[in-house]
Amino acid sequence: AKIAEDGFPFEALREQGYEAAVHATGRWNGVAVISR
């Protein structure tokens, strides 16, 4: 993801009907599960 969790685009995904669970702190890692 390469983004901190508080910067994750939750709203843009929500507009398409998706929720997201995120584990990220920025830099070069970061993982997520995106689901409708």
PDB file of all heavy atoms in Angstrom:
ATOM      1  N   ALA A   1       0.828  -1.206   0.000  1.00  0.00           N
ATOM      2  CA  ALA A   1       0.000   0.000   0.000  1.00  0.00           C
ATOM      3  C   ALA A   1       0.863   1.257   0.000  1.00  0.00           C
ATOM      4  O   ALA A   1       0.508   2.272  -0.596  1.00  0.00           O
ATOM      5  CB  ALA A   1      -0.924  -0.005   1.209  1.00  0.00           C
ATOM      6  N   LYS A   2       1.996   1.187   0.692  1.00  0.00           N
ATOM      7  CA  LYS A   2       2.932   2.323   0.754  1.00  0.00           C
ATOM      8  C   LYS A   2       2.248   3.609   1.210  1.00  0.00           C
ATOM      9  O   LYS A   2       2.469   4.691   0.645  1.00  0.00           O
ATOM     10  CB  LYS A   2       3.623   2.533  -0.599  1.00  0.00           C
ATOM     11  CG  LYS A   2       4.584   1.427  -0.989  1.00  0.00           C
ATOM     12  CD  LYS A   2       5.312   1.750  -2.287  1.00  0.00           C
ATOM     13  CE  LYS A   2       6.355   0.694  -2.638  1.00  0.00           C
ATOM     14  NZ  LYS A   2       7.048   0.991  -3.902  1.00  0.00           N
ATOM     15  N   ILE A   3       1.407   3.474   2.238  1.00  0.00           N
ATOM     16  CA  ILE A   3       0.684   4.624   2.762  1.00  0.00           C
ATOM     17  C   ILE A   3       0.359   4.335   4.212  1.00  0.00           C
ATOM     18  O   ILE A   3       0.211   3.167   4.607  1.00  0.00           O
ATOM     19  CB  ILE A   3      -0.605   4.870   1.944  1.00  0.00           C
ATOM     20  CG1 ILE A   3      -1.188   6.248   2.228  1.00  0.00           C
ATOM     21  CG2 ILE A   3      -1.644   3.786   2.225  1.00  0.00           C
ATOM     22  CD1 ILE A   3      -2.334   6.618   1.290  1.00  0.00           C
ATOM     23  N   ALA A   4       0.273   5.368   5.028  1.00  0.00           N
ATOM     24  CA  ALA A   4      -0.165   5.187   6.410  1.00  0.00           C
ATOM     25  C   ALA A   4      -1.664   4.916   6.424  1.00  0.00           C
ATOM     26  O   ALA A   4      -2.410   5.346   5.530  1.00  0.00           O
ATOM     27  CB  ALA A   4       0.158   6.417   7.235  1.00  0.00           C
ATOM     28  N   GLU A   5      -2.109   4.201   7.441  1.00  0.00           N
ATOM     29  CA  GLU A   5      -3.518   3.814   7.505  1.00  0.00           C
ATOM     30  C   GLU A   5      -4.445   5.028   7.467  1.00  0.00           C
ATOM     31  O   GLU A   5      -5.506   4.987   6.822  1.00  0.00           O
ATOM     32  CB  GLU A   5      -3.770   2.994   8.767  1.00  0.00           C
ATOM     33  CG  GLU A   5      -5.162   2.396   8.847  1.00  0.00           C
ATOM     34  CD  GLU A   5      -5.312   1.403   9.973  1.00  0.00           C
ATOM     35  OE1 GLU A   5      -4.285   0.869  10.443  1.00  0.00           O
ATOM     36  OE2 GLU A   5      -6.460   1.149  10.389  1.00  0.00           O
ATOM     37  N   ASP A   6      -4.057   6.114   8.123  1.00  0.00           N
ATOM     38  CA  ASP A   6      -4.944   7.277   8.142  1.00  0.00           C
ATOM     39  C   ASP A   6      -5.005   7.997   6.796  1.00  0.00           C
ATOM     40  O   ASP A   6      -5.835   8.885   6.595  1.00  0.00           O
ATOM     41  CB  ASP A   6      -4.548   8.249   9.259  1.00  0.00           C
ATOM     42  CG  ASP A   6      -3.125   8.778   9.134  1.00  0.00           C
ATOM     43  OD1 ASP A   6      -2.461   8.498   8.109  1.00  0.00           O
ATOM     44  OD2 ASP A   6      -2.662   9.477  10.054  1.00  0.00           O
ATOM     45  N   GLY A   7      -4.147   7.614   5.858  1.00  0.00           N
ATOM     46  CA  GLY A   7      -4.204   8.182   4.523  1.00  0.00           C
ATOM     47  C   GLY A   7      -4.827   7.266   3.493  1.00  0.00           C
ATOM     48  O   GLY A   7      -4.933   7.625   2.305  1.00  0.00           O
ATOM     49  N   PHE A   8      -5.255   6.086   3.928  1.00  0.00           N
ATOM     50  CA  PHE A   8      -5.817   5.103   3.002  1.00  0.00           C
ATOM     51  C   PHE A   8      -7.127   5.632   2.405  1.00  0.00           C
ATOM     52  O   PHE A   8      -7.914   6.275   3.097  1.00  0.00           O
ATOM     53  CB  PHE A   8      -6.068   3.787   3.745  1.00  0.00           C
ATOM     54  CG  PHE A   8      -6.209   2.585   2.863  1.00  0.00           C
ATOM     55  CD1 PHE A   8      -5.084   1.908   2.409  1.00  0.00           C
ATOM     56  CD2 PHE A   8      -7.456   2.133   2.476  1.00  0.00           C
ATOM     57  CE1 PHE A   8      -5.207   0.794   1.593  1.00  0.00           C
ATOM     58  CE2 PHE A   8      -7.590   1.017   1.659  1.00  0.00           C
ATOM     59  CZ  PHE A   8      -6.464   0.346   1.213  1.00  0.00           C
ATOM     60  N   PRO A   9      -7.392   5.364   1.118  1.00  0.00           N
ATOM     61  CA  PRO A   9      -8.571   5.949   0.450  1.00  0.00           C
ATOM     62  C   PRO A   9      -9.874   5.215   0.779  1.00  0.00           C
ATOM     63  O   PRO A   9     -10.566   4.689  -0.106  1.00  0.00           O
ATOM     64  CB  PRO A   9      -8.212   5.825  -1.037  1.00  0.00           C
ATOM     65  CG  PRO A   9      -7.345   4.617  -1.117  1.00  0.00           C
ATOM     66  CD  PRO A   9      -6.528   4.637   0.145  1.00  0.00           C
ATOM     67  N   PHE A  10     -10.234   5.177   2.044  1.00  0.00           N
ATOM     68  CA  PHE A  10     -11.450   4.484   2.464  1.00  0.00           C
ATOM     69  C   PHE A  10     -12.688   5.040   1.764  1.00  0.00           C
ATOM     70  O   PHE A  10     -13.555   4.278   1.315  1.00  0.00           O
ATOM     71  CB  PHE A  10     -11.632   4.606   3.985  1.00  0.00           C
ATOM     72  CG  PHE A  10     -10.620   3.873   4.802  1.00  0.00           C
ATOM     73  CD1 PHE A  10      -9.552   4.540   5.385  1.00  0.00           C
ATOM     74  CD2 PHE A  10     -10.726   2.495   5.014  1.00  0.00           C
ATOM     75  CE1 PHE A  10      -8.613   3.868   6.156  1.00  0.00           C
ATOM     76  CE2 PHE A  10      -9.801   1.812   5.781  1.00  0.00           C
ATOM     77  CZ  PHE A  10      -8.744   2.502   6.352  1.00  0.00           C
ATOM     78  N   GLU A  11     -12.784   6.362   1.686  1.00  0.00           N
ATOM     79  CA  GLU A  11     -13.989   6.974   1.142  1.00  0.00           C
ATOM     80  C   GLU A  11     -14.156   6.653  -0.344  1.00  0.00           C
ATOM     81  O   GLU A  11     -15.267   6.361  -0.805  1.00  0.00           O
ATOM     82  CB  GLU A  11     -13.972   8.481   1.357  1.00  0.00           C
ATOM     83  CG  GLU A  11     -15.249   9.187   0.923  1.00  0.00           C
ATOM     84  CD  GLU A  11     -16.488   8.647   1.651  1.00  0.00           C
ATOM     85  OE1 GLU A  11     -16.388   8.251   2.826  1.00  0.00           O
ATOM     86  OE2 GLU A  11     -17.568   8.617   1.005  1.00  0.00           O
ATOM     87  N   ALA A  12     -13.072   6.716  -1.114  1.00  0.00           N
ATOM     88  CA  ALA A  12     -13.164   6.405  -2.538  1.00  0.00           C
ATOM     89  C   ALA A  12     -13.628   4.964  -2.753  1.00  0.00           C
ATOM     90  O   ALA A  12     -14.414   4.684  -3.665  1.00  0.00           O
ATOM     91  CB  ALA A  12     -11.809   6.628  -3.209  1.00  0.00           C
ATOM     92  N   LEU A  13     -13.156   4.066  -1.926  1.00  0.00           N
ATOM     93  CA  LEU A  13     -13.592   2.673  -2.015  1.00  0.00           C
ATOM     94  C   LEU A  13     -15.036   2.519  -1.560  1.00  0.00           C
ATOM     95  O   LEU A  13     -15.820   1.767  -2.160  1.00  0.00           O
ATOM     96  CB  LEU A  13     -12.665   1.784  -1.187  1.00  0.00           C
ATOM     97  CG  LEU A  13     -11.260   1.612  -1.739  1.00  0.00           C
ATOM     98  CD1 LEU A  13     -10.321   1.079  -0.666  1.00  0.00           C
ATOM     99  CD2 LEU A  13     -11.260   0.670  -2.945  1.00  0.00           C
ATOM    100  N   ARG A  14     -15.387   3.239  -0.511  1.00  0.00           N
ATOM    101  CA  ARG A  14     -16.753   3.156   0.009  1.00  0.00           C
ATOM    102  C   ARG A  14     -17.761   3.609  -1.045  1.00  0.00           C
ATOM    103  O   ARG A  14     -18.861   3.053  -1.140  1.00  0.00           O
ATOM    104  CB  ARG A  14     -16.867   3.999   1.280  1.00  0.00           C
ATOM    105  CG  ARG A  14     -18.122   3.750   2.089  1.00  0.00           C
ATOM    106  CD  ARG A  14     -18.093   4.509   3.405  1.00  0.00           C
ATOM    107  NE  ARG A  14     -17.011   4.018   4.270  1.00  0.00           N
ATOM    108  CZ  ARG A  14     -15.999   4.749   4.667  1.00  0.00           C
ATOM    109  NH1 ARG A  14     -15.891   6.017   4.280  1.00  0.00           N
ATOM    110  NH2 ARG A  14     -15.071   4.243   5.459  1.00  0.00           N
ATOM    111  N   GLU A  15     -17.396   4.596  -1.829  1.00  0.00           N
ATOM    112  CA  GLU A  15     -18.292   5.081  -2.883  1.00  0.00           C
ATOM    113  C   GLU A  15     -18.574   4.017  -3.927  1.00  0.00           C
ATOM    114  O   GLU A  15     -19.581   4.101  -4.640  1.00  0.00           O
ATOM    115  CB  GLU A  15     -17.693   6.327  -3.537  1.00  0.00           C
ATOM    116  CG  GLU A  15     -17.710   7.558  -2.633  1.00  0.00           C
ATOM    117  CD  GLU A  15     -17.016   8.752  -3.247  1.00  0.00           C
ATOM    118  OE1 GLU A  15     -16.479   8.613  -4.379  1.00  0.00           O
ATOM    119  OE2 GLU A  15     -16.993   9.817  -2.620  1.00  0.00           O
ATOM    120  N   GLN A  16     -17.671   3.025  -4.032  1.00  0.00           N
ATOM    121  CA  GLN A  16     -17.890   1.919  -4.962  1.00  0.00           C
ATOM    122  C   GLN A  16     -18.430   0.674  -4.264  1.00  0.00           C
ATOM    123  O   GLN A  16     -18.521  -0.387  -4.873  1.00  0.00           O
ATOM    124  CB  GLN A  16     -16.596   1.583  -5.706  1.00  0.00           C
ATOM    125  CG  GLN A  16     -16.193   2.646  -6.703  1.00  0.00           C
ATOM    126  CD  GLN A  16     -15.123   2.190  -7.679  1.00  0.00           C
ATOM    127  OE1 GLN A  16     -14.505   3.015  -8.342  1.00  0.00           O
ATOM    128  NE2 GLN A  16     -14.874   0.897  -7.805  1.00  0.00           N
ATOM    129  N   GLY A  17     -18.776   0.824  -2.993  1.00  0.00           N
ATOM    130  CA  GLY A  17     -19.415  -0.268  -2.277  1.00  0.00           C
ATOM    131  C   GLY A  17     -18.484  -1.191  -1.536  1.00  0.00           C
ATOM    132  O   GLY A  17     -18.885  -2.282  -1.133  1.00  0.00           O
ATOM    133  N   TYR A  18     -17.231  -0.745  -1.309  1.00  0.00           N
ATOM    134  CA  TYR A  18     -16.239  -1.602  -0.664  1.00  0.00           C
ATOM    135  C   TYR A  18     -15.855  -1.063   0.714  1.00  0.00           C
ATOM    136  O   TYR A  18     -15.703   0.147   0.913  1.00  0.00           O
ATOM    137  CB  TYR A  18     -14.969  -1.689  -1.513  1.00  0.00           C
ATOM    138  CG  TYR A  18     -15.141  -2.449  -2.804  1.00  0.00           C
ATOM    139  CD1 TYR A  18     -15.544  -1.790  -3.967  1.00  0.00           C
ATOM    140  CD2 TYR A  18     -14.900  -3.819  -2.870  1.00  0.00           C
ATOM    141  CE1 TYR A  18     -15.700  -2.479  -5.164  1.00  0.00           C
ATOM    142  CE2 TYR A  18     -15.038  -4.512  -4.063  1.00  0.00           C
ATOM    143  CZ  TYR A  18     -15.450  -3.842  -5.202  1.00  0.00           C
ATOM    144  OH  TYR A  18     -15.602  -4.531  -6.382  1.00  0.00           O
ATOM    145  N   GLU A  19     -15.682  -1.989   1.644  1.00  0.00           N
ATOM    146  CA  GLU A  19     -15.056  -1.707   2.927  1.00  0.00           C
ATOM    147  C   GLU A  19     -13.587  -2.122   2.839  1.00  0.00           C
ATOM    148  O   GLU A  19     -13.198  -2.891   1.956  1.00  0.00           O
ATOM    149  CB  GLU A  19     -15.720  -2.507   4.048  1.00  0.00           C
ATOM    150  CG  GLU A  19     -17.200  -2.273   4.235  1.00  0.00           C
ATOM    151  CD  GLU A  19     -17.764  -3.230   5.265  1.00  0.00           C
ATOM    152  OE1 GLU A  19     -17.516  -3.005   6.472  1.00  0.00           O
ATOM    153  OE2 GLU A  19     -18.423  -4.195   4.877  1.00  0.00           O
ATOM    154  N   ALA A  20     -12.792  -1.658   3.789  1.00  0.00           N
ATOM    155  CA  ALA A  20     -11.381  -2.040   3.789  1.00  0.00           C
ATOM    156  C   ALA A  20     -10.886  -2.207   5.217  1.00  0.00           C
ATOM    157  O   ALA A  20     -11.201  -1.402   6.098  1.00  0.00           O
ATOM    158  CB  ALA A  20     -10.538  -0.997   3.065  1.00  0.00           C
ATOM    159  N   ALA A  21     -10.106  -3.269   5.423  1.00  0.00           N
ATOM    160  CA  ALA A  21      -9.339  -3.460   6.648  1.00  0.00           C
ATOM    161  C   ALA A  21      -7.876  -3.281   6.270  1.00  0.00           C
ATOM    162  O   ALA A  21      -7.399  -3.914   5.311  1.00  0.00           O
ATOM    163  CB  ALA A  21      -9.581  -4.844   7.239  1.00  0.00           C
ATOM    164  N   VAL A  22      -7.155  -2.438   7.001  1.00  0.00           N
ATOM    165  CA  VAL A  22      -5.826  -2.014   6.577  1.00  0.00           C
ATOM    166  C   VAL A  22      -4.830  -2.168   7.716  1.00  0.00           C
ATOM    167  O   VAL A  22      -5.138  -1.874   8.873  1.00  0.00           O
ATOM    168  CB  VAL A  22      -5.857  -0.534   6.114  1.00  0.00           C
ATOM    169  CG1 VAL A  22      -4.474  -0.090   5.641  1.00  0.00           C
ATOM    170  CG2 VAL A  22      -6.895  -0.333   5.021  1.00  0.00           C
ATOM    171  N   HIS A  23      -3.640  -2.632   7.352  1.00  0.00           N
ATOM    172  CA  HIS A  23      -2.512  -2.675   8.289  1.00  0.00           C
ATOM    173  C   HIS A  23      -1.343  -2.020   7.567  1.00  0.00           C
ATOM    174  O   HIS A  23      -0.707  -2.626   6.697  1.00  0.00           O
ATOM    175  CB  HIS A  23      -2.204  -4.124   8.657  1.00  0.00           C
ATOM    176  CG  HIS A  23      -1.136  -4.286   9.698  1.00  0.00           C
ATOM    177  ND1 HIS A  23      -0.923  -3.378  10.703  1.00  0.00           N
ATOM    178  CD2 HIS A  23      -0.213  -5.284   9.879  1.00  0.00           C
ATOM    179  CE1 HIS A  23       0.064  -3.801  11.469  1.00  0.00           C
ATOM    180  NE2 HIS A  23       0.521  -4.939  10.990  1.00  0.00           N
ATOM    181  N   ALA A  24      -1.082  -0.763   7.888  1.00  0.00           N
ATOM    182  CA  ALA A  24      -0.086  -0.002   7.129  1.00  0.00           C
ATOM    183  C   ALA A  24       0.422   1.163   7.966  1.00  0.00           C
ATOM    184  O   ALA A  24      -0.330   1.756   8.742  1.00  0.00           O
ATOM    185  CB  ALA A  24      -0.687   0.521   5.827  1.00  0.00           C
ATOM    186  N   THR A  25       1.682   1.486   7.774  1.00  0.00           N
ATOM    187  CA  THR A  25       2.297   2.601   8.491  1.00  0.00           C
ATOM    188  C   THR A  25       3.015   3.566   7.559  1.00  0.00           C
ATOM    189  O   THR A  25       3.694   4.479   8.018  1.00  0.00           O
ATOM    190  CB  THR A  25       3.316   2.065   9.521  1.00  0.00           C
ATOM    191  OG1 THR A  25       4.297   1.256   8.855  1.00  0.00           O
ATOM    192  CG2 THR A  25       2.628   1.234  10.593  1.00  0.00           C
ATOM    193  N   GLY A  26       2.866   3.354   6.253  1.00  0.00           N
ATOM    194  CA  GLY A  26       3.584   4.166   5.290  1.00  0.00           C
ATOM    195  C   GLY A  26       4.809   3.422   4.789  1.00  0.00           C
ATOM    196  O   GLY A  26       4.910   2.213   4.872  1.00  0.00           O
ATOM    197  N   ARG A  27       5.762   4.147   4.225  1.00  0.00           N
ATOM    198  CA  ARG A  27       6.991   3.573   3.688  1.00  0.00           C
ATOM    199  C   ARG A  27       6.656   2.546   2.608  1.00  0.00           C
ATOM    200  O   ARG A  27       5.792   2.770   1.771  1.00  0.00           O
ATOM    201  CB  ARG A  27       7.846   2.993   4.809  1.00  0.00           C
ATOM    202  CG  ARG A  27       8.185   4.016   5.899  1.00  0.00           C
ATOM    203  CD  ARG A  27       9.083   3.453   6.961  1.00  0.00           C
ATOM    204  NE  ARG A  27      10.451   3.271   6.456  1.00  0.00           N
ATOM    205  CZ  ARG A  27      11.420   2.727   7.168  1.00  0.00           C
ATOM    206  NH1 ARG A  27      11.176   2.280   8.392  1.00  0.00           N
ATOM    207  NH2 ARG A  27      12.631   2.619   6.667  1.00  0.00           N
ATOM    208  N   TRP A  28       7.322   1.381   2.614  1.00  0.00           N
ATOM    209  CA  TRP A  28       7.195   0.503   1.438  1.00  0.00           C
ATOM    210  C   TRP A  28       6.376  -0.750   1.702  1.00  0.00           C
ATOM    211  O   TRP A  28       6.276  -1.608   0.836  1.00  0.00           O
ATOM    212  CB  TRP A  28       8.584   0.098   0.943  1.00  0.00           C
ATOM    213  CG  TRP A  28       9.442  -0.498   2.030  1.00  0.00           C
ATOM    214  CD1 TRP A  28       9.404  -1.781   2.495  1.00  0.00           C
ATOM    215  CD2 TRP A  28      10.431   0.174   2.793  1.00  0.00           C
ATOM    216  NE1 TRP A  28      10.317  -1.961   3.503  1.00  0.00           N
ATOM    217  CE2 TRP A  28      10.975  -0.758   3.715  1.00  0.00           C
ATOM    218  CE3 TRP A  28      10.942   1.474   2.800  1.00  0.00           C
ATOM    219  CZ2 TRP A  28      11.984  -0.440   4.622  1.00  0.00           C
ATOM    220  CZ3 TRP A  28      11.930   1.781   3.708  1.00  0.00           C
ATOM    221  CH2 TRP A  28      12.449   0.844   4.595  1.00  0.00           C
ATOM    222  N   ASN A  29       5.813  -0.912   2.886  1.00  0.00           N
ATOM    223  CA  ASN A  29       5.014  -2.099   3.162  1.00  0.00           C
ATOM    224  C   ASN A  29       3.528  -1.751   3.139  1.00  0.00           C
ATOM    225  O   ASN A  29       3.108  -0.862   2.431  1.00  0.00           O
ATOM    226  CB  ASN A  29       5.424  -2.699   4.513  1.00  0.00           C
ATOM    227  CG  ASN A  29       6.881  -3.116   4.529  1.00  0.00           C
ATOM    228  OD1 ASN A  29       7.354  -3.729   3.591  1.00  0.00           O
ATOM    229  ND2 ASN A  29       7.604  -2.766   5.590  1.00  0.00           N
ATOM    230  N   GLY A  30       2.752  -2.465   3.915  1.00  0.00           N
ATOM    231  CA  GLY A  30       1.327  -2.169   4.025  1.00  0.00           C
ATOM    232  C   GLY A  30       0.474  -3.148   3.261  1.00  0.00           C
ATOM    233  O   GLY A  30       0.697  -3.417   2.082  1.00  0.00           O
ATOM    234  N   VAL A  31      -0.519  -3.726   3.963  1.00  0.00           N
ATOM    235  CA  VAL A  31      -1.416  -4.723   3.367  1.00  0.00           C
ATOM    236  C   VAL A  31      -2.855  -4.347   3.700  1.00  0.00           C
ATOM    237  O   VAL A  31      -3.121  -3.610   4.650  1.00  0.00           O
ATOM    238  CB  VAL A  31      -1.096  -6.140   3.875  1.00  0.00           C
ATOM    239  CG1 VAL A  31       0.200  -6.658   3.285  1.00  0.00           C
ATOM    240  CG2 VAL A  31      -1.048  -6.182   5.406  1.00  0.00           C
ATOM    241  N   ALA A  32      -3.779  -4.886   2.911  1.00  0.00           N
ATOM    242  CA  ALA A  32      -5.194  -4.580   3.132  1.00  0.00           C
ATOM    243  C   ALA A  32      -6.058  -5.699   2.579  1.00  0.00           C
ATOM    244  O   ALA A  32      -5.638  -6.462   1.703  1.00  0.00           O
ATOM    245  CB  ALA A  32      -5.570  -3.249   2.471  1.00  0.00           C
ATOM    246  N   VAL A  33      -7.271  -5.774   3.105  1.00  0.00           N
ATOM    247  CA  VAL A  33      -8.333  -6.596   2.525  1.00  0.00           C
ATOM    248  C   VAL A  33      -9.476  -5.653   2.188  1.00  0.00           C
ATOM    249  O   VAL A  33      -9.957  -4.911   3.052  1.00  0.00           O
ATOM    250  CB  VAL A  33      -8.816  -7.692   3.490  1.00  0.00           C
ATOM    251  CG1 VAL A  33      -9.993  -8.452   2.880  1.00  0.00           C
ATOM    252  CG2 VAL A  33      -7.682  -8.648   3.841  1.00  0.00           C
ATOM    253  N   ILE A  34      -9.884  -5.661   0.928  1.00  0.00           N
ATOM    254  CA  ILE A  34     -10.951  -4.794   0.430  1.00  0.00           C
ATOM    255  C   ILE A  34     -12.115  -5.695   0.036  1.00  0.00           C
ATOM    256  O   ILE A  34     -11.936  -6.657  -0.717  1.00  0.00           O
ATOM    257  CB  ILE A  34     -10.456  -3.970  -0.773  1.00  0.00           C
ATOM    258  CG1 ILE A  34      -9.321  -3.039  -0.339  1.00  0.00           C
ATOM    259  CG2 ILE A  34     -11.589  -3.178  -1.403  1.00  0.00           C
ATOM    260  CD1 ILE A  34      -8.594  -2.380  -1.500  1.00  0.00           C
ATOM    261  N   SER A  35     -13.322  -5.393   0.536  1.00  0.00           N
ATOM    262  CA  SER A  35     -14.429  -6.335   0.349  1.00  0.00           C
ATOM    263  C   SER A  35     -15.758  -5.610   0.190  1.00  0.00           C
ATOM    264  O   SER A  35     -16.000  -4.584   0.828  1.00  0.00           O
ATOM    265  CB  SER A  35     -14.511  -7.276   1.560  1.00  0.00           C
ATOM    266  OG  SER A  35     -15.684  -8.069   1.519  1.00  0.00           O
ATOM    267  N   ARG A  36     -16.627  -6.176  -0.648  1.00  0.00           N
ATOM    268  CA  ARG A  36     -18.005  -5.712  -0.726  1.00  0.00           C
ATOM    269  C   ARG A  36     -18.967  -6.777  -0.193  1.00  0.00           C
ATOM    270  O   ARG A  36     -20.172  -6.692  -0.403  1.00  0.00           O
ATOM    271  CB  ARG A  36     -18.364  -5.326  -2.165  1.00  0.00           C
ATOM    272  CG  ARG A  36     -18.330  -6.458  -3.170  1.00  0.00           C
ATOM    273  CD  ARG A  36     -18.695  -5.953  -4.553  1.00  0.00           C
ATOM    274  NE  ARG A  36     -18.762  -7.036  -5.527  1.00  0.00           N
ATOM    275  CZ  ARG A  36     -18.986  -6.872  -6.821  1.00  0.00           C
ATOM    276  NH1 ARG A  36     -19.151  -5.643  -7.310  1.00  0.00           N
ATOM    277  NH2 ARG A  36     -19.044  -7.907  -7.634  1.00  0.00           N
TER     278      ARG A  36
END
